[in-house]
C-alpha atoms as a PDB file:
ATOM      1  CA  MET A   1      -8.669  -6.176  26.616  1.00  0.00           C
ATOM      2  CA  ASN A   2     -11.370  -6.437  23.953  1.00  0.00           C
ATOM      3  CA  VAL A   3     -11.928  -6.267  20.225  1.00  0.00           C
ATOM      4  CA  LEU A   4     -14.497  -3.720  19.159  1.00  0.00           C
ATOM      5  CA  VAL A   5     -16.182  -4.762  15.913  1.00  0.00           C
ATOM      6  CA  VAL A   6     -18.366  -2.299  14.049  1.00  0.00           C
ATOM      7  CA  VAL A   7     -20.050  -3.150  10.756  1.00  0.00           C
ATOM      8  CA  LEU A   8     -21.066   0.091   9.073  1.00  0.00           C
ATOM      9  CA  ASN A   9     -23.164   0.687   6.000  1.00  0.00           C
ATOM     10  CA  HIS A  10     -21.801   4.116   5.071  1.00  0.00           C
ATOM     11  CA  GLU A  11     -18.224   4.877   4.083  1.00  0.00           C
ATOM     12  CA  GLU A  12     -18.367   8.435   5.418  1.00  0.00           C
ATOM     13  CA  HIS A  13     -19.001   7.066   8.930  1.00  0.00           C
ATOM     14  CA  VAL A  14     -15.926   4.852   8.650  1.00  0.00           C
ATOM     15  CA  ARG A  15     -13.728   7.759   7.615  1.00  0.00           C
ATOM     16  CA  ILE A  16     -14.933   9.942  10.490  1.00  0.00           C
ATOM     17  CA  LEU A  17     -14.366   7.145  13.029  1.00  0.00           C
ATOM     18  CA  LEU A  18     -10.848   6.451  11.767  1.00  0.00           C
ATOM     19  CA  GLU A  19      -9.975  10.155  11.884  1.00  0.00           C
ATOM     20  CA  ARG A  20     -11.298  10.523  15.441  1.00  0.00           C
ATOM     21  CA  PHE A  21     -10.088   7.257  17.022  1.00  0.00           C
ATOM     22  CA  PRO A  22      -6.635   8.696  17.959  1.00  0.00           C
ATOM     23  CA  GLU A  23      -8.403  11.410  20.025  1.00  0.00           C
ATOM     24  CA  ILE A  24      -9.516   8.658  22.439  1.00  0.00           C
ATOM     25  CA  ASP A  25      -6.228   6.669  22.371  1.00  0.00           C
ATOM     26  CA  VAL A  26      -7.340   4.123  19.775  1.00  0.00           C
ATOM     27  CA  ARG A  27      -4.180   3.919  17.666  1.00  0.00           C
ATOM     28  CA  GLY A  28      -5.159   1.380  15.088  1.00  0.00           C
ATOM     29  CA  ALA A  29      -8.056  -0.323  13.404  1.00  0.00           C
ATOM     30  CA  THR A  30      -8.488  -2.633  10.460  1.00  0.00           C
ATOM     31  CA  VAL A  31     -11.208  -2.068   7.871  1.00  0.00           C
ATOM     32  CA  ILE A  32     -12.480  -4.857   5.668  1.00  0.00           C
ATOM     33  CA  SER A  33     -15.010  -4.476   2.877  1.00  0.00           C
ATOM     34  CA  SER A  34     -17.778  -6.926   3.637  1.00  0.00           C
ATOM     35  CA  THR A  35     -21.080  -8.094   2.226  1.00  0.00           C
ATOM     36  CA  GLY A  36     -24.053  -9.133   4.325  1.00  0.00           C
ATOM     37  CA  MET A  37     -26.101 -12.264   3.839  1.00  0.00           C
ATOM     38  CA  GLY A  38     -29.125 -10.288   2.632  1.00  0.00           C
ATOM     39  CA  GLN A  39     -27.056  -8.524  -0.014  1.00  0.00           C
ATOM     40  CA  LEU A  40     -25.739 -11.830  -1.355  1.00  0.00           C
ATOM     41  CA  LEU A  41     -29.163 -13.467  -1.384  1.00  0.00           C
ATOM     42  CA  ALA A  42     -30.696 -10.433  -3.080  1.00  0.00           C
ATOM     43  CA  ALA A  43     -28.328 -10.916  -6.015  1.00  0.00           C
ATOM     44  CA  ASP A  44     -29.633 -14.480  -6.504  1.00  0.00           C
ATOM     45  CA  VAL A  45     -33.290 -13.942  -5.633  1.00  0.00           C
ATOM     46  CA  PRO A  46     -34.548 -10.543  -6.877  1.00  0.00           C
ATOM     47  CA  ILE A  47     -37.837 -10.783  -4.967  1.00  0.00           C
ATOM     48  CA  PHE A  48     -35.828 -11.035  -1.735  1.00  0.00           C
ATOM     49  CA  SER A  49     -34.140  -7.756  -2.597  1.00  0.00           C
ATOM     50  CA  THR A  50     -37.442  -5.962  -3.137  1.00  0.00           C
ATOM     51  CA  LEU A  51     -39.030  -7.325   0.045  1.00  0.00           C
ATOM     52  CA  SER A  52     -35.911  -6.579   2.076  1.00  0.00           C
ATOM     53  CA  LYS A  53     -35.849  -2.941   0.933  1.00  0.00           C
ATOM     54  CA  LEU A  54     -39.542  -2.488   1.656  1.00  0.00           C
ATOM     55  CA  LEU A  55     -39.321  -3.994   5.129  1.00  0.00           C
ATOM     56  CA  SER A  56     -36.030  -2.485   6.297  1.00  0.00           C
ATOM     57  CA  GLY A  57     -35.684   0.754   4.374  1.00  0.00           C
ATOM     58  CA  ALA A  58     -32.274  -0.437   3.165  1.00  0.00           C
ATOM     59  CA  SER A  59     -30.511   1.298   0.303  1.00  0.00           C
ATOM     60  CA  ASP A  60     -28.979  -0.161  -2.853  1.00  0.00           C
ATOM     61  CA  ARG A  61     -25.474  -0.195  -1.377  1.00  0.00           C
ATOM     62  CA  VAL A  62     -23.265  -3.066  -2.431  1.00  0.00           C
ATOM     63  CA  GLU A  63     -20.903  -3.432   0.504  1.00  0.00           C
ATOM     64  CA  ASN A  64     -20.447  -2.764   4.186  1.00  0.00           C
ATOM     65  CA  TYR A  65     -17.315  -1.819   6.072  1.00  0.00           C
ATOM     66  CA  THR A  66     -16.209  -3.972   9.001  1.00  0.00           C
ATOM     67  CA  VAL A  67     -13.961  -2.043  11.378  1.00  0.00           C
ATOM     68  CA  PHE A  68     -12.214  -3.843  14.191  1.00  0.00           C
ATOM     69  CA  SER A  69      -9.790  -2.620  16.797  1.00  0.00           C
ATOM     70  CA  VAL A  70      -8.140  -4.152  19.850  1.00  0.00           C
ATOM     71  CA  ILE A  71      -8.846  -1.866  22.787  1.00  0.00           C
ATOM     72  CA  ARG A  72      -6.821  -2.149  25.989  1.00  0.00           C
ATOM     73  CA  THR A  73      -9.014  -0.638  28.689  1.00  0.00           C
ATOM     74  CA  ASP A  74     -12.694  -0.619  29.539  1.00  0.00           C
ATOM     75  CA  GLU A  75     -12.548   3.182  29.730  1.00  0.00           C
ATOM     76  CA  THR A  76     -11.228   3.483  26.165  1.00  0.00           C
ATOM     77  CA  LEU A  77     -13.754   0.880  24.995  1.00  0.00           C
ATOM     78  CA  GLU A  78     -16.632   2.944  26.416  1.00  0.00           C
ATOM     79  CA  LYS A  79     -15.224   6.081  24.744  1.00  0.00           C
ATOM     80  CA  ALA A  80     -14.977   4.217  21.417  1.00  0.00           C
ATOM     81  CA  ILE A  81     -18.567   2.961  21.668  1.00  0.00           C
ATOM     82  CA  ALA A  82     -19.747   6.480  22.545  1.00  0.00           C
ATOM     83  CA  LEU A  83     -17.867   7.806  19.509  1.00  0.00           C
ATOM     84  CA  VAL A  84     -19.552   5.235  17.254  1.00  0.00           C
ATOM     85  CA  HIS A  85     -22.944   6.355  18.574  1.00  0.00           C
ATOM     86  CA  GLU A  86     -22.006  10.009  18.072  1.00  0.00           C
ATOM     87  CA  VAL A  87     -20.952   9.418  14.450  1.00  0.00           C
ATOM     88  CA  VAL A  88     -23.539   6.837  13.366  1.00  0.00           C
ATOM     89  CA  GLY A  89     -26.488   7.702  15.566  1.00  0.00           C
ATOM     90  CA  ASP A  90     -28.962   5.075  16.696  1.00  0.00           C
ATOM     91  CA  MET A  91     -27.545   1.666  15.801  1.00  0.00           C
ATOM     92  CA  LYS A  92     -31.080   0.260  15.991  1.00  0.00           C
ATOM     93  CA  ALA A  93     -32.116   2.368  12.996  1.00  0.00           C
ATOM     94  CA  PRO A  94     -32.434   0.535   9.666  1.00  0.00           C
ATOM     95  CA  ASP A  95     -29.375   0.632   7.425  1.00  0.00           C
ATOM     96  CA  SER A  96     -27.017   1.888  10.144  1.00  0.00           C
ATOM     97  CA  GLY A  97     -24.890  -1.145  11.057  1.00  0.00           C
ATOM     98  CA  ILE A  98     -24.060  -3.290  14.074  1.00  0.00           C
ATOM     99  CA  LEU A  99     -21.568  -3.146  16.919  1.00  0.00           C
ATOM    100  CA  PHE A 100     -20.277  -5.909  19.180  1.00  0.00           C
ATOM    101  CA  VAL A 101     -17.374  -6.539  21.566  1.00  0.00           C
ATOM    102  CA  VAL A 102     -15.299  -9.714  21.922  1.00  0.00           C
ATOM    103  CA  PRO A 103     -12.916 -10.366  24.846  1.00  0.00           C
ATOM    104  CA  VAL A 104      -9.244 -10.947  23.975  1.00  0.00           C
ATOM    105  CA  VAL A 105      -7.438 -13.694  25.873  1.00  0.00           C
ATOM    106  CA  ARG A 106      -3.995 -13.207  24.327  1.00  0.00           C
ATOM    107  CA  ILE A 107      -2.357 -10.787  21.922  1.00  0.00           C
ATOM    108  CA  GLU A 108       1.106 -10.250  20.470  1.00  0.00           C
ATOM    109  CA  GLY A 109       2.441  -7.378  18.411  1.00  0.00           C
ATOM    110  CA  LEU A 110       0.049  -4.663  19.572  1.00  0.00           C
ATOM    111  CA  ALA A 111       1.532  -1.158  19.521  1.00  0.00           C
ATOM    112  CA  ALA A 112       1.931   0.645  22.834  1.00  0.00           C
ATOM    113  CA  PRO A 113      -0.829   3.141  23.656  1.00  0.00           C
ATOM    114  CA  LEU A 114      -0.267   6.864  23.170  1.00  0.00           C
ATOM    115  CA  SER A 115      -0.199   7.169  26.963  1.00  0.00           C
ATOM    116  CA  ALA A 116       2.403   4.384  27.393  1.00  0.00           C
ATOM    117  CA  GLU A 117       2.866   4.503  31.176  1.00  0.00           C
ATOM    118  CA  GLY A 118       3.145   1.007  32.578  1.00  0.00           C
ATOM    119  CA  VAL A 119       3.415  -0.680  29.192  1.00  0.00           C
ATOM    120  CA  GLU A 120       6.450  -2.403  27.757  1.00  0.00           C
ATOM    121  CA  PRO A 121       7.373  -1.735  24.062  1.00  0.00           C
ATOM    122  CA  THR A 122       6.065  -5.237  23.294  1.00  0.00           C
ATOM    123  CA  GLY A 123       2.610  -4.076  24.334  1.00  0.00           C
ATOM    124  CA  GLU A 124       2.554  -6.221  27.496  1.00  0.00           C
ATOM    125  CA  GLN A 125       1.316  -4.693  30.742  1.00  0.00           C
ATOM    126  CA  ARG A 126       3.878  -4.203  33.525  1.00  0.00           C
ATOM    127  CA  SER A 127       2.766  -5.006  37.078  1.00  0.00           C
END
């Protein structure tokens, strides 16, 4: 089990991901408005803002969107990452966002998957 974290720079990408997640058995995600370090520093040091835009091609956006979701299986995780790439494009491109995965050691309260075979209502795996 893992947490997929995607920090996106465009709201329309977030909306598309959230609409399409159920297609790949991702039933829930949390979205937090977030601000990157460069955006905060740019507010205090205007020259940083100008240099940052010139070097990275970044826009004047004010916030990012951090999406995170607990994903049960490696198969679903790979589908979710593929979906992010399909929606966002090349994550290496300037002003696109970042994606990372964190292993989950323990979880409580997670809803059962849409394909709930072998899963108790508590979300725990049955042997």
